[in-house]
Amino acid sequence: MATRWIAALLTVLALLFSITPAFAQTDDATLTTLVNALAPGNFKDREAAAKALGATGDPRAVPVLQTLLDGNLYAAKTTGQVVFLARNGVTDPVTGAAVEGIAKGDTEKVKVNNGLRRGLRTIIGQMTLLSEDRGTRMSAAQSVLRDANPDNLELLNSALSSEADPQIKAVMETARAAIILKTDASVEEKTAAVAALKARGGRDAVTLLTSVLASSPEELKPQIQGAIDALNQTQAAWGVAQNVWYGISLGSVLLLAAIGLAITFGVMGVINMAHGEMVMLGAYTTFTVQEIIRRSFPGMLDYSLAIALPLAFLVTALIGIAIERGIIRWLYGRALETLLATWGLSLILQQAIRTAYGPTNKEVANPSWMSGSFDLGGLSITWNRFWIVIFAIAVFVALLAVLNRTSLGLQMRAVTQNRRMASAMGIRTPFVDAMTFGLGSGIAGLAGVALSQIDNVSPNLGQNYIIDSFMVVVFGGVGNLWGTLVGALSIGIANKFLEPYAGAVVAKILILVLIILFIQRRPRGLFALKGRAVEQ
């Protein structure tokens, strides 16, 4: 009975405080009393206490209600005082001062249920819609849209009249339309609300319209159903576009992993099974650079990739030259021996990394400019994937410039077309072989830098991409960069379209089967590289 009286008293207080201007400062004693009222009673009593606290408009109440919503609000077992638990002890939620005489073990959690959570989200949304902070207002508008509580309509109208930010205003208008559909508004108002939701589009609009379809007036149901159907068709079209983007994203990763292999395989005819380990070494170079920066220069973490890129290229290029000079040059013309030798080398490199760094995955942080995502129409694009696509294009263009605009590129193309004739014309083919292997390995290191931003950095990183890289090279045409580009994008997009229907593993198997069938008809790939040797 006492709790009922408390609830009634708090409701009266809520009405009294409702005339207080938004975000007015309440005195500490009154606010503390309202905060402490969140602990006793049942869930309905706590919701009434939360409404009374929200009605003060005091910004200090927002973190208290948010902490309660998160399930992290505590109260002293003996006195019932509501407190925050911090690392350094127990603090007062109103003043932020340390609370003496109460240990963490002397407190118990203030419990919440789903009904109370819904109420708390509404109250927090009401308090933050008029905040001066843009992020707070956007979060509040999205919260009001998610709940679509008719009790928020009056406050939402008030917030809309003063909102100047077009993005926040659009969310508020959508929330208002969703709320109107749940009220007893006129058919004309609900028709306008349906049109507003249809114009906004997206999955949220479909969900909102579907939720009110059954309870809507009969004359309004055809319009709602028509809007749902139109939105579903639009979503299906955007779904296709989203799959294409996922395919381009995967294709850019495959391009980075395969483009170096296309050079070494095309110029030297070497089946390099250790190419994946060059990718792995590039990723570990990035991890090492970030660790040094994190420990010694934490303010430069956003520049870690810019530092890691040239280092990864240099490290893997030098290792590639050493491999060519130490192992590969003795095995030219013996494809099976090069395959076995480089496979054994890949195992040695993996074990060396396990010994040096351990077998567990390593975390490589995304710079701030590669974190998060953005929407482009109905597409959701993550920044890290976006920049990797741009990076892959840049590497491809740079490699084309090297092959077509430099003396090394001219010599590489000459050796590719006819090794014996190039040697007879004075080109040092051993030097070209070493530089080619170093260039291909260096590009693989750059691929490792990119992959560290989207995949786990582990000793097995390269093994996840080596088979796909060979498929790209064989499908596109050995030694042809444009064929590698087309092959990577084709395999990436086809893979992403098959995955929803067949699953990731079966999709890869189907792609492999299709490539096998394709090379039965075109053994030299999409873009066969023409040479001047008799056998070509």
Protein backbone atom coordinates (compact mmCIF):
# COMPACT_ATOMS: atom_id res chain seq x y z
CA MET A 1 0.00 0.00 0.00
CA ALA A 2 2.88 2.32 0.84
CA THR A 3 4.34 1.91 -2.60
CA ARG A 4 1.00 2.90 -4.15
CA TRP A 5 1.05 6.12 -2.15
CA ILE A 6 4.62 6.72 -3.28
CA ALA A 7 3.57 6.19 -6.90
CA ALA A 8 0.64 8.61 -6.49
CA LEU A 9 2.92 11.20 -4.89
CA LEU A 10 5.47 10.87 -7.67
CA THR A 11 2.76 11.28 -10.31
CA VAL A 12 1.69 14.53 -8.66
CA LEU A 13 5.32 15.62 -8.62
CA ALA A 14 5.59 14.77 -12.31
CA LEU A 15 2.62 17.02 -13.07
CA LEU A 16 4.10 19.82 -11.02
CA PHE A 17 7.49 19.50 -12.66
CA SER A 18 5.95 19.37 -16.13
CA ILE A 19 5.53 23.13 -16.04
CA THR A 20 9.27 23.53 -15.46
CA PRO A 21 11.10 24.74 -18.58
CA ALA A 22 13.10 22.08 -20.41
CA PHE A 23 16.58 21.51 -18.96
CA ALA A 24 16.01 23.74 -15.95
CA GLN A 25 18.35 22.99 -13.05
CA THR A 26 16.66 21.30 -10.06
CA ASP A 27 18.17 21.68 -6.59
CA ASP A 28 20.34 18.75 -5.48
CA ALA A 29 18.13 17.67 -2.59
CA THR A 30 14.97 17.42 -4.71
CA LEU A 31 16.77 15.64 -7.52
CA THR A 32 18.36 13.18 -5.07
CA THR A 33 14.93 12.38 -3.63
CA LEU A 34 13.56 11.64 -7.09
CA VAL A 35 16.59 9.53 -8.00
CA ASN A 36 16.30 7.48 -4.80
CA ALA A 37 12.63 6.82 -5.62
CA LEU A 38 13.79 4.66 -8.57
CA ALA A 39 14.78 1.77 -6.26
CA PRO A 40 11.72 0.80 -4.11
CA GLY A 41 8.45 -0.71 -5.24
CA ASN A 42 7.63 -2.74 -8.34
CA PHE A 43 8.28 -2.02 -11.99
CA LYS A 44 5.23 0.27 -12.35
CA ASP A 45 6.38 2.27 -9.34
CA ARG A 46 9.82 2.65 -10.90
CA GLU A 47 8.29 3.80 -14.17
CA ALA A 48 6.27 6.43 -12.28
CA ALA A 49 9.44 7.51 -10.49
CA ALA A 50 11.28 7.71 -13.81
CA LYS A 51 8.50 9.89 -15.27
CA ALA A 52 8.75 12.22 -12.29
CA LEU A 53 12.51 12.41 -12.69
CA GLY A 54 12.21 13.04 -16.44
CA ALA A 55 9.62 15.76 -15.88
CA THR A 56 12.24 17.89 -14.09
CA GLY A 57 14.02 18.42 -17.40
CA ASP A 58 17.31 18.41 -15.49
CA PRO A 59 20.12 17.13 -17.76
CA ARG A 60 21.67 15.33 -14.78
CA ALA A 61 18.71 12.94 -14.82
CA VAL A 62 19.58 11.62 -18.29
CA PRO A 63 22.67 9.56 -17.29
CA VAL A 64 20.74 8.18 -14.30
CA LEU A 65 17.87 6.99 -16.48
CA GLN A 66 20.28 5.70 -19.13
CA THR A 67 22.20 3.74 -16.48
CA LEU A 68 18.92 2.26 -15.26
CA LEU A 69 17.98 1.38 -18.85
CA ASP A 70 21.34 -0.37 -19.27
CA GLY A 71 20.69 -2.36 -16.08
CA ASN A 72 23.67 -0.87 -14.23
CA LEU A 73 21.96 1.22 -11.54
CA TYR A 74 22.46 0.12 -7.92
CA ALA A 75 20.97 0.95 -4.53
CA ALA A 76 22.31 0.50 -1.01
CA LYS A 77 20.75 -2.54 0.70
CA THR A 78 20.28 -0.79 4.04
CA THR A 79 19.37 2.81 3.17
CA GLY A 80 17.99 2.40 -0.35
CA GLN A 81 20.19 5.23 -1.63
CA VAL A 82 20.70 4.99 -5.41
CA VAL A 83 24.36 5.08 -6.41
CA PHE A 84 26.71 4.61 -9.35
CA LEU A 85 29.38 1.93 -9.15
CA ALA A 86 32.71 3.13 -10.51
CA ARG A 87 36.19 1.65 -10.58
CA ASN A 88 37.29 3.86 -7.73
CA GLY A 89 34.26 3.09 -5.55
CA VAL A 90 30.68 4.26 -5.08
CA THR A 91 29.60 7.71 -6.33
CA ASP A 92 26.53 9.91 -5.98
CA PRO A 93 24.62 10.04 -9.32
CA VAL A 94 23.57 13.65 -8.74
CA THR A 95 26.74 15.32 -7.45
CA GLY A 96 29.32 12.83 -8.69
CA ALA A 97 31.00 12.85 -5.28
CA ALA A 98 32.24 9.68 -3.58
CA VAL A 99 29.73 8.15 -1.16
CA GLU A 100 31.26 7.26 2.18
CA GLY A 101 30.12 4.28 4.23
CA ILE A 102 28.77 2.23 1.30
CA ALA A 103 30.91 -0.50 -0.25
CA LYS A 104 30.20 -2.15 -3.60
CA GLY A 105 29.24 -5.36 -1.81
CA ASP A 106 26.58 -3.49 0.19
CA THR A 107 24.57 -2.64 -2.94
CA GLU A 108 22.07 -4.48 -5.12
CA LYS A 109 21.06 -3.89 -8.72
CA VAL A 110 17.83 -2.00 -9.46
CA LYS A 111 15.93 -4.44 -11.66
CA VAL A 112 14.17 -3.55 -14.92
CA ASN A 113 11.90 -5.45 -17.29
CA ASN A 114 10.95 -4.93 -20.95
CA GLY A 115 7.97 -2.72 -20.13
CA LEU A 116 10.10 -0.45 -17.96
CA ARG A 117 12.80 -0.34 -20.64
CA ARG A 118 10.25 0.88 -23.21
CA GLY A 119 9.10 3.56 -20.80
CA LEU A 120 12.66 4.62 -20.03
CA ARG A 121 13.53 4.95 -23.72
CA THR A 122 10.49 7.18 -24.18
CA ILE A 123 11.42 9.37 -21.21
CA ILE A 124 15.04 9.69 -22.32
CA GLY A 125 13.88 10.55 -25.83
CA GLN A 126 11.60 13.25 -24.44
CA MET A 127 14.44 14.76 -22.41
CA THR A 128 17.01 14.76 -25.19
CA LEU A 129 14.96 15.90 -28.21
CA LEU A 130 15.62 19.51 -27.22
CA SER A 131 19.30 19.06 -26.39
CA GLU A 132 21.83 21.54 -27.77
CA ASP A 133 24.08 18.66 -28.84
CA ARG A 134 23.37 17.42 -32.37
CA GLY A 135 24.34 13.81 -31.65
CA THR A 136 22.07 13.72 -28.60
CA ARG A 137 19.10 15.05 -30.60
CA MET A 138 19.70 12.56 -33.42
CA SER A 139 19.88 9.67 -30.96
CA ALA A 140 16.70 10.89 -29.25
CA ALA A 141 14.85 11.23 -32.57
CA GLN A 142 15.85 7.69 -33.55
CA SER A 143 14.71 6.43 -30.15
CA VAL A 144 11.32 8.12 -30.57
CA LEU A 145 11.05 6.64 -34.08
CA ARG A 146 11.86 3.16 -32.79
CA ASP A 147 9.21 3.25 -30.05
CA ALA A 148 6.59 5.36 -31.93
CA ASN A 149 4.82 6.10 -28.66
CA PRO A 150 1.75 8.36 -29.13
CA ASP A 151 2.58 10.05 -25.80
CA ASN A 152 5.54 11.70 -27.55
CA LEU A 153 3.50 13.37 -30.30
CA GLU A 154 3.09 16.75 -28.60
CA LEU A 155 6.75 16.95 -27.63
CA LEU A 156 7.77 15.84 -31.12
CA ASN A 157 5.67 18.60 -32.72
CA SER A 158 7.38 21.12 -30.43
CA ALA A 159 10.84 19.77 -31.29
CA LEU A 160 10.04 19.79 -35.03
CA SER A 161 9.09 23.46 -34.94
CA SER A 162 12.52 24.43 -33.60
CA GLU A 163 14.73 21.84 -35.36
CA ALA A 164 17.00 23.30 -38.05
CA ASP A 165 19.15 20.29 -38.91
CA PRO A 166 17.64 18.66 -42.06
CA GLN A 167 18.78 15.12 -41.20
CA ILE A 168 17.38 15.20 -37.67
CA LYS A 169 14.22 16.86 -38.93
CA ALA A 170 13.72 14.06 -41.48
CA VAL A 171 13.96 11.44 -38.72
CA MET A 172 11.53 13.43 -36.56
CA GLU A 173 9.03 13.74 -39.41
CA THR A 174 9.22 9.98 -39.99
CA ALA A 175 8.67 9.39 -36.27
CA ARG A 176 5.69 11.75 -36.34
CA ALA A 177 4.17 9.87 -39.29
CA ALA A 178 4.68 6.55 -37.51
CA ILE A 179 3.02 7.89 -34.36
CA ILE A 180 0.04 9.35 -36.26
CA LEU A 181 -0.71 5.91 -37.69
CA LYS A 182 -1.07 4.64 -34.11
CA THR A 183 -3.47 7.39 -33.01
CA ASP A 184 -7.14 8.11 -33.76
CA ALA A 185 -6.20 10.83 -36.27
CA SER A 186 -8.34 11.40 -39.35
CA VAL A 187 -8.00 9.26 -42.47
CA GLU A 188 -6.56 12.28 -44.34
CA GLU A 189 -3.78 12.68 -41.74
CA LYS A 190 -3.02 8.97 -41.81
CA THR A 191 -2.95 8.98 -45.61
CA ALA A 192 -0.36 11.78 -45.49
CA ALA A 193 1.59 9.77 -42.88
CA VAL A 194 1.63 6.70 -45.15
CA ALA A 195 2.91 8.85 -48.02
CA ALA A 196 5.63 10.28 -45.77
CA LEU A 197 6.81 6.81 -44.71
CA LYS A 198 6.74 5.60 -48.31
CA ALA A 199 8.81 8.60 -49.39
CA ARG A 200 11.39 7.93 -46.69
CA GLY A 201 11.71 4.25 -47.65
CA GLY A 202 13.95 1.69 -46.00
CA ARG A 203 13.33 -1.41 -43.90
CA ASP A 204 12.13 0.65 -40.92
CA ALA A 205 9.30 2.11 -43.00
CA VAL A 206 8.21 -1.38 -44.11
CA THR A 207 8.25 -2.58 -40.49
CA LEU A 208 6.21 0.40 -39.28
CA LEU A 209 3.62 0.11 -42.03
CA THR A 210 3.30 -3.65 -41.53
CA SER A 211 2.78 -3.21 -37.78
CA VAL A 212 -0.23 -0.86 -38.28
CA LEU A 213 -1.79 -2.59 -41.28
CA ALA A 214 -4.13 -4.87 -39.33
CA SER A 215 -5.44 -2.14 -37.02
CA SER A 216 -5.90 0.54 -39.69
CA PRO A 217 -9.30 1.61 -41.11
CA GLU A 218 -10.48 -0.48 -44.04
CA GLU A 219 -10.35 2.44 -46.48
CA LEU A 220 -6.68 3.00 -45.56
CA LYS A 221 -5.50 -0.62 -45.84
CA PRO A 222 -5.12 -0.65 -49.68
CA GLN A 223 -2.87 2.40 -49.52
CA ILE A 224 -0.73 0.90 -46.75
CA GLN A 225 -0.46 -2.43 -48.58
CA GLY A 226 0.44 -0.63 -51.81
CA ALA A 227 3.15 1.33 -49.99
CA ILE A 228 4.52 -1.88 -48.45
CA ASP A 229 4.62 -3.59 -51.86
CA ALA A 230 6.34 -0.63 -53.49
CA LEU A 231 8.89 -0.40 -50.69
CA ASN A 232 9.59 -4.14 -50.90
CA GLN A 233 10.26 -3.83 -54.63
CA THR A 234 12.61 -0.92 -53.99
CA GLN A 235 14.35 -2.89 -51.23
CA ALA A 236 14.79 -5.85 -53.60
CA ALA A 237 16.44 -3.57 -56.17
CA TRP A 238 18.72 -2.08 -53.52
CA GLY A 239 19.45 -5.61 -52.32
CA VAL A 240 20.80 -6.47 -55.77
CA ALA A 241 22.91 -3.30 -55.72
CA GLN A 242 24.14 -4.18 -52.22
CA ASN A 243 25.23 -7.63 -53.45
CA VAL A 244 27.08 -5.99 -56.34
CA TRP A 245 28.90 -3.74 -53.86
CA TYR A 246 29.78 -6.73 -51.68
CA GLY A 247 31.09 -8.45 -54.82
CA ILE A 248 33.18 -5.41 -55.79
CA SER A 249 34.52 -5.26 -52.24
CA LEU A 250 35.49 -8.94 -52.32
CA GLY A 251 36.85 -8.53 -55.85
CA SER A 252 39.13 -5.67 -54.74
CA VAL A 253 40.56 -7.90 -52.01
CA LEU A 254 41.10 -10.71 -54.52
CA LEU A 255 42.69 -8.24 -56.94
CA LEU A 256 45.20 -7.09 -54.33
CA ALA A 257 46.03 -10.67 -53.39
CA ALA A 258 46.28 -11.91 -57.00
CA ILE A 259 47.86 -9.06 -58.92
CA GLY A 260 51.37 -9.78 -57.63
CA LEU A 261 50.89 -13.46 -58.41
CA ALA A 262 49.81 -12.58 -61.94
CA ILE A 263 53.13 -10.80 -62.51
CA THR A 264 55.40 -13.55 -61.19
CA PHE A 265 53.38 -16.33 -62.78
CA GLY A 266 53.13 -14.53 -66.12
CA VAL A 267 56.75 -13.38 -66.42
CA MET A 268 58.56 -16.24 -64.70
CA GLY A 269 56.18 -19.18 -65.02
CA VAL A 270 56.71 -19.95 -61.32
CA ILE A 271 53.91 -21.52 -59.27
CA ASN A 272 54.57 -19.62 -56.04
CA MET A 273 52.68 -21.31 -53.19
CA ALA A 274 54.38 -18.94 -50.72
CA HIS A 275 52.65 -15.90 -52.24
CA GLY A 276 50.00 -16.04 -49.50
CA GLU A 277 52.75 -15.80 -46.88
CA MET A 278 53.91 -12.52 -48.46
CA VAL A 279 50.38 -11.25 -47.82
CA MET A 280 50.65 -12.52 -44.24
CA LEU A 281 54.04 -10.82 -43.73
CA GLY A 282 52.56 -7.52 -44.93
CA ALA A 283 49.77 -7.84 -42.37
CA TYR A 284 52.24 -8.60 -39.56
CA THR A 285 54.36 -5.62 -40.62
CA THR A 286 51.26 -3.46 -40.13
CA PHE A 287 50.67 -5.01 -36.71
CA THR A 288 54.29 -4.38 -35.68
CA VAL A 289 54.14 -0.74 -36.82
CA GLN A 290 50.90 -0.19 -34.88
CA GLU A 291 52.36 -1.76 -31.74
CA ILE A 292 55.40 0.53 -31.87
CA ILE A 293 53.22 3.59 -32.46
CA ARG A 294 50.74 2.55 -29.75
CA ARG A 295 53.52 2.25 -27.17
CA SER A 296 55.72 5.19 -28.14
CA PHE A 297 53.63 7.62 -30.20
CA PRO A 298 49.94 7.00 -29.41
CA GLY A 299 48.89 10.29 -30.99
CA MET A 300 50.04 9.06 -34.42
CA LEU A 301 47.83 5.96 -34.56
CA ASP A 302 45.77 7.42 -37.43
CA TYR A 303 48.98 7.59 -39.50
CA SER A 304 49.99 3.97 -38.86
CA LEU A 305 48.78 2.71 -42.25
CA ALA A 306 50.65 5.45 -44.11
CA ILE A 307 53.82 4.34 -42.33
CA ALA A 308 53.10 0.63 -42.72
CA LEU A 309 52.46 0.73 -46.49
CA PRO A 310 56.02 1.51 -47.68
CA LEU A 311 57.54 -0.66 -44.94
CA ALA A 312 55.36 -3.65 -45.85
CA PHE A 313 56.25 -3.25 -49.51
CA LEU A 314 59.97 -2.97 -48.76
CA VAL A 315 60.05 -5.92 -46.32
CA THR A 316 58.14 -8.33 -48.55
CA ALA A 317 59.94 -7.18 -51.72
CA LEU A 318 63.35 -7.86 -50.14
CA ILE A 319 62.17 -11.25 -48.89
CA GLY A 320 60.83 -12.00 -52.37
CA ILE A 321 64.17 -11.10 -53.99
CA ALA A 322 65.99 -13.30 -51.45
CA ILE A 323 63.64 -16.21 -52.24
CA GLU A 324 64.19 -15.82 -55.97
CA ARG A 325 67.95 -15.55 -55.66
CA GLY A 326 68.23 -18.35 -53.09
CA ILE A 327 65.68 -20.91 -54.30
CA ILE A 328 63.66 -20.10 -57.40
CA ARG A 329 66.49 -19.36 -59.83
CA TRP A 330 67.71 -22.94 -59.56
CA LEU A 331 64.31 -24.36 -60.50
CA TYR A 332 63.28 -22.49 -63.67
CA GLY A 333 61.52 -24.73 -66.16
CA ARG A 334 60.61 -27.27 -63.47
CA ALA A 335 57.08 -26.26 -62.44
CA LEU A 336 56.47 -29.18 -60.06
CA GLU A 337 59.72 -28.52 -58.16
CA THR A 338 58.90 -24.80 -57.77
CA LEU A 339 55.46 -25.72 -56.45
CA LEU A 340 56.89 -28.12 -53.86
CA ALA A 341 59.75 -25.80 -52.87
CA THR A 342 57.51 -22.74 -52.37
CA TRP A 343 54.93 -24.84 -50.53
CA GLY A 344 57.61 -26.00 -48.10
CA LEU A 345 58.79 -22.39 -47.79
CA SER A 346 55.25 -21.29 -46.94
CA LEU A 347 55.18 -23.78 -44.04
CA ILE A 348 58.55 -22.49 -42.80
CA LEU A 349 57.34 -18.85 -42.90
CA GLN A 350 54.11 -19.71 -41.08
CA GLN A 351 56.01 -21.49 -38.33
CA ALA A 352 58.50 -18.64 -38.05
CA ILE A 353 55.63 -16.19 -37.50
CA ARG A 354 54.05 -18.52 -34.92
CA THR A 355 57.36 -18.63 -33.07
CA ALA A 356 57.87 -14.86 -33.20
CA TYR A 357 54.29 -13.61 -32.62
CA GLY A 358 52.41 -16.61 -31.24
CA PRO A 359 49.63 -18.65 -32.85
CA THR A 360 46.72 -16.44 -31.81
CA ASN A 361 45.07 -13.73 -33.90
CA LYS A 362 46.47 -10.22 -33.59
CA GLU A 363 44.36 -7.09 -33.50
CA VAL A 364 45.09 -4.32 -35.96
CA ALA A 365 43.01 -1.23 -35.24
CA ASN A 366 41.21 0.77 -37.91
CA PRO A 367 42.23 4.44 -38.10
CA SER A 368 39.40 6.83 -37.31
CA TRP A 369 38.95 7.65 -41.01
CA MET A 370 38.39 3.95 -41.79
CA SER A 371 35.89 3.34 -38.98
CA GLY A 372 32.11 3.34 -39.21
CA SER A 373 29.92 3.35 -42.27
CA PHE A 374 27.78 5.60 -44.43
CA ASP A 375 24.62 5.20 -46.49
CA LEU A 376 24.48 5.85 -50.22
CA GLY A 377 20.84 5.66 -51.22
CA GLY A 378 19.80 2.23 -50.03
CA LEU A 379 23.40 0.97 -49.81
CA SER A 380 25.25 0.56 -46.54
CA ILE A 381 28.99 1.01 -47.13
CA THR A 382 31.68 0.60 -44.49
CA TRP A 383 34.56 3.04 -44.69
CA ASN A 384 37.26 0.36 -44.44
CA ARG A 385 35.87 -1.54 -47.45
CA PHE A 386 35.41 1.69 -49.38
CA TRP A 387 39.03 2.75 -48.90
CA ILE A 388 40.29 -0.74 -49.76
CA VAL A 389 38.45 -0.55 -53.10
CA ILE A 390 40.06 2.85 -53.76
CA PHE A 391 43.44 1.47 -52.70
CA ALA A 392 43.11 -1.56 -55.00
CA ILE A 393 42.34 0.73 -57.95
CA ALA A 394 45.35 2.92 -57.07
CA VAL A 395 47.69 -0.10 -56.89
CA PHE A 396 46.35 -1.38 -60.23
CA VAL A 397 46.88 1.99 -61.96
CA ALA A 398 50.36 2.35 -60.42
CA LEU A 399 51.32 -1.12 -61.62
CA LEU A 400 50.07 -0.37 -65.13
CA ALA A 401 52.24 2.77 -65.12
CA VAL A 402 55.28 0.76 -64.00
CA LEU A 403 54.79 -1.86 -66.72
CA ASN A 404 54.07 0.63 -69.53
CA ARG A 405 56.10 3.72 -68.61
CA THR A 406 59.37 2.47 -67.09
CA SER A 407 62.41 0.67 -68.45
CA LEU A 408 61.91 -2.14 -65.93
CA GLY A 409 58.35 -2.60 -67.18
CA LEU A 410 59.58 -2.66 -70.78
CA GLN A 411 62.12 -5.35 -69.91
CA MET A 412 59.52 -7.36 -68.01
CA ARG A 413 57.19 -7.30 -70.98
CA ALA A 414 60.02 -8.30 -73.30
CA VAL A 415 60.95 -11.27 -71.10
CA THR A 416 57.27 -12.25 -70.89
CA GLN A 417 56.89 -12.28 -74.68
CA ASN A 418 60.14 -14.10 -75.51
CA ARG A 419 62.72 -14.79 -72.81
CA ARG A 420 65.44 -16.09 -75.17
CA MET A 421 65.12 -13.21 -77.60
CA ALA A 422 65.17 -10.69 -74.73
CA SER A 423 68.34 -12.27 -73.38
CA ALA A 424 69.90 -12.21 -76.85
CA MET A 425 69.12 -8.48 -77.09
CA GLY A 426 71.13 -7.79 -73.94
CA ILE A 427 68.41 -7.77 -71.28
CA ARG A 428 69.68 -9.27 -68.04
CA THR A 429 66.92 -11.78 -67.51
CA PRO A 430 68.17 -12.90 -64.05
CA PHE A 431 67.96 -9.27 -62.88
CA VAL A 432 64.47 -8.92 -64.39
CA ASP A 433 63.41 -12.17 -62.70
CA ALA A 434 64.62 -10.97 -59.31
CA MET A 435 62.99 -7.54 -59.67
CA THR A 436 59.77 -9.12 -60.93
CA PHE A 437 59.59 -11.53 -58.01
CA GLY A 438 60.38 -8.68 -55.62
CA LEU A 439 57.68 -6.46 -57.18
CA GLY A 440 55.07 -9.23 -57.01
CA SER A 441 55.97 -9.99 -53.39
CA GLY A 442 55.90 -6.28 -52.48
CA ILE A 443 52.40 -5.89 -53.91
CA ALA A 444 51.37 -8.95 -51.88
CA GLY A 445 52.69 -7.11 -48.81
CA LEU A 446 50.49 -4.13 -49.69
CA ALA A 447 47.56 -6.55 -49.92
CA GLY A 448 48.41 -7.70 -46.38
CA VAL A 449 48.20 -4.11 -45.12
CA ALA A 450 44.71 -3.79 -46.61
CA LEU A 451 43.56 -7.20 -45.38
CA SER A 452 44.66 -6.38 -41.82
CA GLN A 453 41.79 -3.87 -41.75
CA ILE A 454 39.06 -6.41 -42.53
CA ASP A 455 40.39 -9.83 -41.52
CA ASN A 456 42.12 -11.52 -38.62
CA VAL A 457 45.91 -11.21 -38.68
CA SER A 458 47.15 -14.74 -38.09
CA PRO A 459 49.82 -17.10 -39.45
CA ASN A 460 47.14 -18.66 -41.68
CA LEU A 461 46.00 -15.37 -43.24
CA GLY A 462 47.64 -16.01 -46.61
CA GLN A 463 46.26 -19.53 -46.92
CA ASN A 464 42.73 -18.10 -47.01
CA TYR A 465 43.47 -16.26 -50.27
CA ILE A 466 46.10 -18.29 -52.17
CA ILE A 467 43.62 -20.63 -53.91
CA ASP A 468 41.30 -17.74 -54.80
CA SER A 469 44.30 -15.84 -56.16
CA PHE A 470 45.26 -18.69 -58.47
CA MET A 471 41.65 -18.96 -59.66
CA VAL A 472 41.63 -15.23 -60.49
CA VAL A 473 44.91 -15.46 -62.42
CA VAL A 474 43.91 -18.57 -64.39
CA PHE A 475 40.43 -17.25 -65.15
CA GLY A 476 41.58 -13.78 -66.21
CA GLY A 477 44.60 -14.90 -68.21
CA VAL A 478 48.11 -15.56 -66.93
CA GLY A 479 50.23 -12.40 -66.87
CA ASN A 480 47.47 -10.05 -68.05
CA LEU A 481 46.65 -7.31 -65.55
CA TRP A 482 43.34 -6.38 -67.16
CA GLY A 483 42.39 -10.05 -67.11
CA THR A 484 43.27 -10.17 -63.40
CA LEU A 485 41.02 -7.15 -62.76
CA VAL A 486 38.07 -8.61 -64.68
CA GLY A 487 38.63 -12.04 -63.15
CA ALA A 488 38.75 -10.70 -59.58
CA LEU A 489 35.58 -8.64 -59.97
CA SER A 490 33.74 -11.44 -61.80
CA ILE A 491 34.58 -14.05 -59.17
CA GLY A 492 33.85 -11.64 -56.31
CA ILE A 493 30.42 -10.62 -57.62
CA ALA A 494 29.45 -14.17 -58.64
CA ASN A 495 30.47 -15.44 -55.22
CA LYS A 496 28.34 -12.88 -53.38
CA PHE A 497 25.29 -13.63 -55.53
CA LEU A 498 25.62 -17.37 -54.91
CA GLU A 499 26.25 -17.17 -51.15
CA PRO A 500 22.66 -16.31 -50.09
CA TYR A 501 21.32 -19.37 -51.91
CA ALA A 502 24.10 -21.94 -51.58
CA GLY A 503 26.12 -20.85 -48.54
CA ALA A 504 29.73 -19.67 -48.43
CA VAL A 505 31.40 -23.08 -48.84
CA VAL A 506 29.14 -24.40 -51.62
CA ALA A 507 29.41 -21.06 -53.42
CA LYS A 508 33.19 -21.40 -53.58
CA ILE A 509 32.84 -24.96 -54.87
CA LEU A 510 30.42 -23.84 -57.58
CA ILE A 511 32.78 -21.03 -58.62
CA LEU A 512 35.64 -23.52 -58.85
CA VAL A 513 33.54 -25.91 -60.96
CA LEU A 514 32.52 -23.08 -63.30
CA ILE A 515 36.15 -22.00 -63.73
CA ILE A 516 37.19 -25.59 -64.52
CA LEU A 517 34.48 -25.80 -67.16
CA PHE A 518 35.50 -22.42 -68.53
CA ILE A 519 39.19 -23.28 -68.95
CA GLN A 520 38.19 -26.41 -70.80
CA ARG A 521 36.99 -24.07 -73.52
CA ARG A 522 39.62 -21.32 -73.05
CA PRO A 523 42.73 -22.87 -71.49
CA ARG A 524 44.59 -19.53 -71.48
CA GLY A 525 41.84 -17.57 -69.74
CA LEU A 526 39.69 -14.60 -70.68
CA PHE A 527 42.54 -12.45 -71.97
CA ALA A 528 45.29 -14.67 -73.34
CA LEU A 529 48.68 -12.96 -73.33
CA LYS A 530 50.17 -13.05 -76.80
CA GLY A 531 53.91 -13.61 -77.12
CA ARG A 532 56.52 -13.96 -79.85
CA ALA A 533 57.76 -17.44 -79.00
CA VAL A 534 56.97 -20.28 -81.39
CA GLU A 535 54.94 -22.16 -78.78
CA GLN A 536 52.69 -19.10 -78.24
